Amino acid sequence: MLTGVAALAGLVAWIMISKGAGIESVNGVLQRTFVGLILLWIGVMGIKLLKAIGTSILIKY
């Protein structure tokens, strides 16, 4: 939960800074980057949770 809040705060801070500096054109790129990182984090946590409970569904390392 804390990681999600930190990511959202970082995204909002970037948008405010870019608007202040007049470089709104990079907002879409940064939003996609943040969403991609959050989705990657969700996937990694899902795999870790599946490993923690001993489920071996498609997890053969």
Protein backbone atom coordinates (compact mmCIF):
# COMPACT_ATOMS: atom_id res chain seq x y z
CA MET A 1 0.00 0.00 0.00
CA LEU A 2 2.77 2.40 0.90
CA THR A 3 4.55 1.76 -2.40
CA GLY A 4 1.39 2.60 -4.34
CA VAL A 5 0.92 5.83 -2.39
CA ALA A 6 4.56 6.79 -3.00
CA ALA A 7 4.20 6.08 -6.74
CA LEU A 8 1.03 8.15 -6.95
CA ALA A 9 2.66 11.01 -5.03
CA GLY A 10 5.64 10.88 -7.41
CA LEU A 11 3.35 10.98 -10.44
CA VAL A 12 1.40 13.96 -9.10
CA ALA A 13 4.64 15.75 -8.16
CA TRP A 14 6.04 15.21 -11.67
CA ILE A 15 2.89 16.54 -13.31
CA MET A 16 2.94 19.65 -11.13
CA ILE A 17 6.65 20.26 -11.79
CA SER A 18 6.28 19.76 -15.53
CA LYS A 19 3.31 22.13 -15.69
CA GLY A 20 5.31 24.71 -13.77
CA ALA A 21 8.25 24.32 -16.14
CA GLY A 22 6.01 24.30 -19.22
CA ILE A 23 6.87 20.81 -20.49
CA GLU A 24 3.47 19.13 -20.48
CA SER A 25 4.37 17.07 -23.54
CA VAL A 26 6.17 14.45 -21.44
CA ASN A 27 3.26 13.82 -19.06
CA GLY A 28 1.82 10.97 -21.14
CA VAL A 29 5.18 9.21 -21.34
CA LEU A 30 5.69 9.48 -17.60
CA GLN A 31 2.17 8.31 -16.81
CA ARG A 32 2.69 5.21 -18.94
CA THR A 33 6.02 4.58 -17.23
CA PHE A 34 4.44 4.79 -13.77
CA VAL A 35 1.57 2.51 -14.77
CA GLY A 36 4.01 0.03 -16.29
CA LEU A 37 6.14 -0.03 -13.14
CA ILE A 38 3.09 -0.51 -10.93
CA LEU A 39 1.83 -3.38 -13.11
CA LEU A 40 5.28 -4.97 -13.04
CA TRP A 41 5.34 -4.66 -9.24
CA ILE A 42 1.89 -6.28 -9.01
CA GLY A 43 3.08 -9.19 -11.16
CA VAL A 44 6.24 -9.72 -9.11
CA MET A 45 4.29 -9.61 -5.85
CA GLY A 46 1.79 -12.11 -7.27
CA ILE A 47 4.58 -14.54 -8.10
CA LYS A 48 6.13 -14.09 -4.67
CA LEU A 49 2.80 -14.70 -2.97
CA LEU A 50 2.18 -17.83 -5.02
CA LYS A 51 5.63 -19.12 -4.11
CA ALA A 52 5.06 -18.27 -0.44
CA ILE A 53 1.91 -20.37 -0.22
CA GLY A 54 3.56 -23.27 -2.02
CA THR A 55 1.49 -23.13 -5.20
CA SER A 56 3.36 -24.48 -8.18
CA ILE A 57 1.07 -23.21 -10.93
CA LEU A 58 3.41 -22.35 -13.80
CA ILE A 59 6.17 -21.42 -11.38
CA LYS A 60 9.06 -23.76 -12.07
CA TYR A 61 12.35 -22.03 -11.35
